[in-house]
Amino acid sequence: MSEAPLKQIPLQFKYVEGQIPTYVNAVIVNLVAEGVIVDFGFFDPFLIKEMQDSLDTGKEPEAATVQSAGRVILGHQLARQLITQIQNALDSAEKSINE
């Protein structure tokens, strides 16, 4: 006897007045046994010139400094769901741009 397929339950996040999303422009994903750790951060674009100047003088920086904006651990299933949701959103945006 086979199991019935799992049904998706839609989630609804409540809007909180005055809660402003954090802008991020850098992300790193690391695999761990439980799933993935996702670090979100902000890299100040004004530092690009400083890093370029260092490279021009032969001093290679070890890494770019990123201000941490948040860190989450996602289980394998949730990480896959996030990939699907992001891909669907990007596909939808691309489709509407091309129409």
N, C-alpha and C. Protein backbone atom coordinates (compact mmCIF):
# COMPACT_ATOMS: atom_id res chain seq x y z
N MET A 1 0.84 -1.17 0.00
CA MET A 1 0.00 0.00 0.00
C MET A 1 0.89 1.24 0.00
N SER A 2 0.61 2.18 -0.92
CA SER A 2 1.43 3.38 -1.01
C SER A 2 0.84 4.50 -0.17
N GLU A 3 1.72 5.39 0.27
CA GLU A 3 1.28 6.52 1.08
C GLU A 3 0.69 7.61 0.19
N ALA A 4 -0.27 8.34 0.73
CA ALA A 4 -0.85 9.45 0.00
C ALA A 4 0.19 10.57 -0.12
N PRO A 5 0.22 11.29 -1.26
CA PRO A 5 1.19 12.38 -1.38
C PRO A 5 0.93 13.48 -0.37
N LEU A 6 2.01 14.09 0.08
CA LEU A 6 1.87 15.19 1.04
C LEU A 6 1.25 16.40 0.36
N LYS A 7 0.35 17.06 1.06
CA LYS A 7 -0.28 18.26 0.53
C LYS A 7 0.47 19.47 1.05
N GLN A 8 0.58 20.49 0.18
CA GLN A 8 1.22 21.72 0.60
C GLN A 8 0.22 22.59 1.34
N ILE A 9 0.68 23.18 2.43
CA ILE A 9 -0.14 24.11 3.19
C ILE A 9 0.43 25.50 2.94
N PRO A 10 -0.36 26.40 2.35
CA PRO A 10 0.17 27.74 2.09
C PRO A 10 0.46 28.49 3.38
N LEU A 11 1.55 29.24 3.39
CA LEU A 11 1.92 30.05 4.55
C LEU A 11 1.59 31.51 4.25
N GLN A 12 1.23 32.22 5.28
CA GLN A 12 0.95 33.65 5.13
C GLN A 12 1.71 34.38 6.22
N PHE A 13 2.63 35.25 5.80
CA PHE A 13 3.40 36.03 6.75
C PHE A 13 2.70 37.38 6.93
N LYS A 14 2.51 37.77 8.17
CA LYS A 14 1.84 39.04 8.45
C LYS A 14 2.80 40.20 8.27
N TYR A 15 2.30 41.27 7.66
CA TYR A 15 3.07 42.50 7.50
C TYR A 15 3.12 43.20 8.85
N VAL A 16 4.31 43.64 9.24
CA VAL A 16 4.48 44.37 10.49
C VAL A 16 4.81 45.81 10.14
N GLU A 17 3.96 46.73 10.55
CA GLU A 17 4.13 48.16 10.27
C GLU A 17 5.52 48.63 10.69
N GLY A 18 6.22 49.28 9.78
CA GLY A 18 7.52 49.84 10.09
C GLY A 18 8.68 48.86 9.99
N GLN A 19 8.41 47.59 9.73
CA GLN A 19 9.48 46.61 9.62
C GLN A 19 10.07 46.69 8.20
N ILE A 20 11.29 47.17 8.10
CA ILE A 20 11.93 47.38 6.81
C ILE A 20 12.86 46.20 6.54
N PRO A 21 12.76 45.61 5.35
CA PRO A 21 13.67 44.51 5.03
C PRO A 21 15.12 44.99 4.99
N THR A 22 16.03 44.12 5.33
CA THR A 22 17.46 44.42 5.27
C THR A 22 17.95 44.18 3.85
N TYR A 23 18.66 45.16 3.29
CA TYR A 23 19.22 45.01 1.95
C TYR A 23 20.49 44.19 2.02
N VAL A 24 20.59 43.18 1.18
CA VAL A 24 21.81 42.37 1.09
C VAL A 24 22.28 42.32 -0.35
N ASN A 25 23.58 42.27 -0.53
CA ASN A 25 24.13 42.12 -1.87
C ASN A 25 25.25 41.08 -1.91
N ALA A 26 25.33 40.28 -0.85
CA ALA A 26 26.32 39.21 -0.78
C ALA A 26 25.72 38.02 -0.03
N VAL A 27 26.02 36.83 -0.50
CA VAL A 27 25.53 35.63 0.17
C VAL A 27 26.56 34.51 0.01
N ILE A 28 26.69 33.72 1.05
CA ILE A 28 27.55 32.54 1.03
C ILE A 28 26.72 31.38 1.58
N VAL A 29 26.81 30.24 0.91
CA VAL A 29 26.09 29.04 1.34
C VAL A 29 27.10 27.96 1.65
N ASN A 30 26.98 27.36 2.84
CA ASN A 30 27.86 26.26 3.25
C ASN A 30 27.03 25.05 3.63
N LEU A 31 27.45 23.89 3.16
CA LEU A 31 26.77 22.64 3.44
C LEU A 31 27.18 22.12 4.82
N VAL A 32 26.18 21.71 5.62
CA VAL A 32 26.41 21.05 6.90
C VAL A 32 25.53 19.81 6.94
N ALA A 33 25.73 18.96 7.90
CA ALA A 33 24.97 17.71 7.97
C ALA A 33 23.45 17.94 8.01
N GLU A 34 23.03 19.00 8.71
CA GLU A 34 21.60 19.26 8.88
C GLU A 34 20.97 19.92 7.67
N GLY A 35 21.76 20.45 6.74
CA GLY A 35 21.24 21.16 5.58
C GLY A 35 22.27 22.13 5.06
N VAL A 36 21.91 23.42 5.03
CA VAL A 36 22.84 24.45 4.58
C VAL A 36 22.79 25.65 5.53
N ILE A 37 23.94 26.28 5.70
CA ILE A 37 24.01 27.55 6.42
C ILE A 37 24.09 28.63 5.36
N VAL A 38 23.20 29.62 5.44
CA VAL A 38 23.19 30.72 4.49
C VAL A 38 23.52 32.00 5.25
N ASP A 39 24.62 32.64 4.85
CA ASP A 39 25.02 33.91 5.43
C ASP A 39 24.68 35.01 4.45
N PHE A 40 23.91 36.00 4.90
CA PHE A 40 23.55 37.15 4.10
C PHE A 40 24.35 38.34 4.60
N GLY A 41 24.79 39.19 3.68
CA GLY A 41 25.57 40.33 4.10
C GLY A 41 25.48 41.48 3.13
N PHE A 42 26.14 42.58 3.50
CA PHE A 42 26.20 43.76 2.67
C PHE A 42 27.65 44.12 2.42
N PHE A 43 28.04 44.17 1.15
CA PHE A 43 29.37 44.60 0.75
C PHE A 43 29.26 46.03 0.26
N ASP A 44 29.98 46.93 0.90
CA ASP A 44 29.94 48.35 0.54
C ASP A 44 30.63 48.55 -0.80
N PRO A 45 29.87 48.95 -1.83
CA PRO A 45 30.48 49.10 -3.16
C PRO A 45 31.58 50.15 -3.20
N PHE A 46 31.61 51.08 -2.25
CA PHE A 46 32.68 52.08 -2.22
C PHE A 46 34.03 51.45 -1.88
N LEU A 47 34.03 50.23 -1.35
CA LEU A 47 35.29 49.55 -1.04
C LEU A 47 35.94 48.93 -2.27
N ILE A 48 35.21 48.84 -3.37
CA ILE A 48 35.77 48.23 -4.58
C ILE A 48 37.00 49.01 -5.04
N LYS A 49 36.91 50.35 -5.05
CA LYS A 49 38.06 51.17 -5.47
C LYS A 49 39.26 50.92 -4.56
N GLU A 50 39.00 50.86 -3.26
CA GLU A 50 40.08 50.61 -2.29
C GLU A 50 40.74 49.25 -2.57
N MET A 51 39.92 48.24 -2.84
CA MET A 51 40.47 46.91 -3.13
C MET A 51 41.24 46.93 -4.45
N GLN A 52 40.71 47.63 -5.45
CA GLN A 52 41.39 47.72 -6.75
C GLN A 52 42.73 48.42 -6.60
N ASP A 53 42.76 49.50 -5.79
CA ASP A 53 44.02 50.20 -5.55
C ASP A 53 45.05 49.27 -4.91
N SER A 54 44.61 48.42 -3.98
CA SER A 54 45.51 47.46 -3.34
C SER A 54 46.05 46.47 -4.37
N LEU A 55 45.17 46.00 -5.25
CA LEU A 55 45.60 45.06 -6.28
C LEU A 55 46.60 45.71 -7.23
N ASP A 56 46.37 46.99 -7.56
CA ASP A 56 47.25 47.71 -8.48
C ASP A 56 48.66 47.88 -7.91
N THR A 57 48.76 47.97 -6.58
CA THR A 57 50.07 48.13 -5.94
C THR A 57 50.70 46.78 -5.58
N GLY A 58 50.02 45.68 -5.98
CA GLY A 58 50.57 44.36 -5.73
C GLY A 58 50.21 43.77 -4.38
N LYS A 59 49.38 44.47 -3.61
CA LYS A 59 48.97 43.95 -2.30
C LYS A 59 47.59 43.33 -2.45
N GLU A 60 47.56 42.01 -2.55
CA GLU A 60 46.28 41.32 -2.74
C GLU A 60 45.58 41.16 -1.40
N PRO A 61 44.36 41.71 -1.26
CA PRO A 61 43.63 41.56 0.00
C PRO A 61 43.23 40.09 0.21
N GLU A 62 43.18 39.67 1.48
CA GLU A 62 42.79 38.29 1.79
C GLU A 62 41.34 38.03 1.42
N ALA A 63 40.47 38.99 1.75
CA ALA A 63 39.05 38.84 1.46
C ALA A 63 38.37 40.20 1.56
N ALA A 64 37.22 40.30 0.93
CA ALA A 64 36.43 41.53 1.02
C ALA A 64 35.64 41.50 2.32
N THR A 65 35.61 42.62 3.01
CA THR A 65 34.86 42.71 4.26
C THR A 65 33.38 42.90 3.96
N VAL A 66 32.58 42.05 4.54
CA VAL A 66 31.12 42.07 4.34
C VAL A 66 30.46 42.24 5.70
N GLN A 67 29.55 43.20 5.80
CA GLN A 67 28.79 43.42 7.04
C GLN A 67 27.69 42.36 7.12
N SER A 68 27.69 41.56 8.16
CA SER A 68 26.69 40.50 8.30
C SER A 68 25.30 41.09 8.48
N ALA A 69 24.34 40.54 7.72
CA ALA A 69 22.95 40.98 7.82
C ALA A 69 22.06 39.88 8.39
N GLY A 70 22.58 38.67 8.44
CA GLY A 70 21.79 37.58 9.00
C GLY A 70 22.36 36.23 8.62
N ARG A 71 22.02 35.23 9.40
CA ARG A 71 22.49 33.86 9.17
C ARG A 71 21.36 32.92 9.50
N VAL A 72 21.11 31.97 8.59
CA VAL A 72 20.07 30.98 8.82
C VAL A 72 20.60 29.59 8.49
N ILE A 73 20.03 28.61 9.15
CA ILE A 73 20.29 27.21 8.80
C ILE A 73 19.00 26.68 8.22
N LEU A 74 19.07 26.13 7.02
CA LEU A 74 17.91 25.55 6.36
C LEU A 74 18.10 24.05 6.24
N GLY A 75 17.06 23.29 6.59
CA GLY A 75 17.10 21.86 6.35
C GLY A 75 17.09 21.60 4.86
N HIS A 76 17.46 20.38 4.46
CA HIS A 76 17.55 20.04 3.04
C HIS A 76 16.25 20.31 2.29
N GLN A 77 15.12 19.90 2.86
CA GLN A 77 13.84 20.07 2.18
C GLN A 77 13.49 21.55 2.03
N LEU A 78 13.70 22.34 3.07
CA LEU A 78 13.39 23.77 3.00
C LEU A 78 14.31 24.47 2.01
N ALA A 79 15.58 24.07 1.95
CA ALA A 79 16.51 24.66 0.99
C ALA A 79 16.04 24.39 -0.43
N ARG A 80 15.57 23.17 -0.69
CA ARG A 80 15.05 22.85 -2.03
C ARG A 80 13.79 23.67 -2.34
N GLN A 81 12.92 23.84 -1.34
CA GLN A 81 11.72 24.65 -1.54
C GLN A 81 12.09 26.10 -1.85
N LEU A 82 13.10 26.61 -1.16
CA LEU A 82 13.54 27.98 -1.39
C LEU A 82 14.09 28.14 -2.81
N ILE A 83 14.87 27.18 -3.26
CA ILE A 83 15.40 27.21 -4.63
C ILE A 83 14.25 27.26 -5.62
N THR A 84 13.24 26.42 -5.42
CA THR A 84 12.09 26.38 -6.32
C THR A 84 11.34 27.70 -6.32
N GLN A 85 11.10 28.27 -5.13
CA GLN A 85 10.37 29.53 -5.04
C GLN A 85 11.14 30.68 -5.69
N ILE A 86 12.44 30.72 -5.48
CA ILE A 86 13.25 31.77 -6.10
C ILE A 86 13.25 31.61 -7.62
N GLN A 87 13.41 30.38 -8.09
CA GLN A 87 13.41 30.13 -9.54
C GLN A 87 12.07 30.52 -10.15
N ASN A 88 10.98 30.18 -9.49
CA ASN A 88 9.65 30.54 -9.99
C ASN A 88 9.47 32.06 -10.03
N ALA A 89 9.92 32.76 -9.00
CA ALA A 89 9.81 34.22 -8.97
C ALA A 89 10.63 34.85 -10.09
N LEU A 90 11.85 34.36 -10.30
CA LEU A 90 12.71 34.91 -11.36
C LEU A 90 12.14 34.61 -12.74
N ASP A 91 11.62 33.41 -12.92
CA ASP A 91 11.00 33.05 -14.20
C ASP A 91 9.80 33.94 -14.49
N SER A 92 9.00 34.19 -13.45
CA SER A 92 7.82 35.04 -13.59
C SER A 92 8.22 36.48 -13.94
N ALA A 93 9.24 36.98 -13.27
CA ALA A 93 9.73 38.35 -13.54
C ALA A 93 10.26 38.45 -14.96
N GLU A 94 11.03 37.46 -15.39
CA GLU A 94 11.59 37.46 -16.74
C GLU A 94 10.48 37.40 -17.78
N LYS A 95 9.49 36.58 -17.51
CA LYS A 95 8.35 36.44 -18.43
C LYS A 95 7.62 37.77 -18.58
N SER A 96 7.38 38.47 -17.45
CA SER A 96 6.64 39.73 -17.51
C SER A 96 7.46 40.82 -18.20
N ILE A 97 8.79 40.77 -18.08
CA ILE A 97 9.66 41.75 -18.75
C ILE A 97 9.61 41.54 -20.26
N ASN A 98 9.57 40.28 -20.68
CA ASN A 98 9.61 39.96 -22.10
C ASN A 98 8.26 40.09 -22.80
N GLU A 99 7.21 40.37 -22.06
CA GLU A 99 5.88 40.49 -22.67
C GLU A 99 5.64 41.86 -23.22
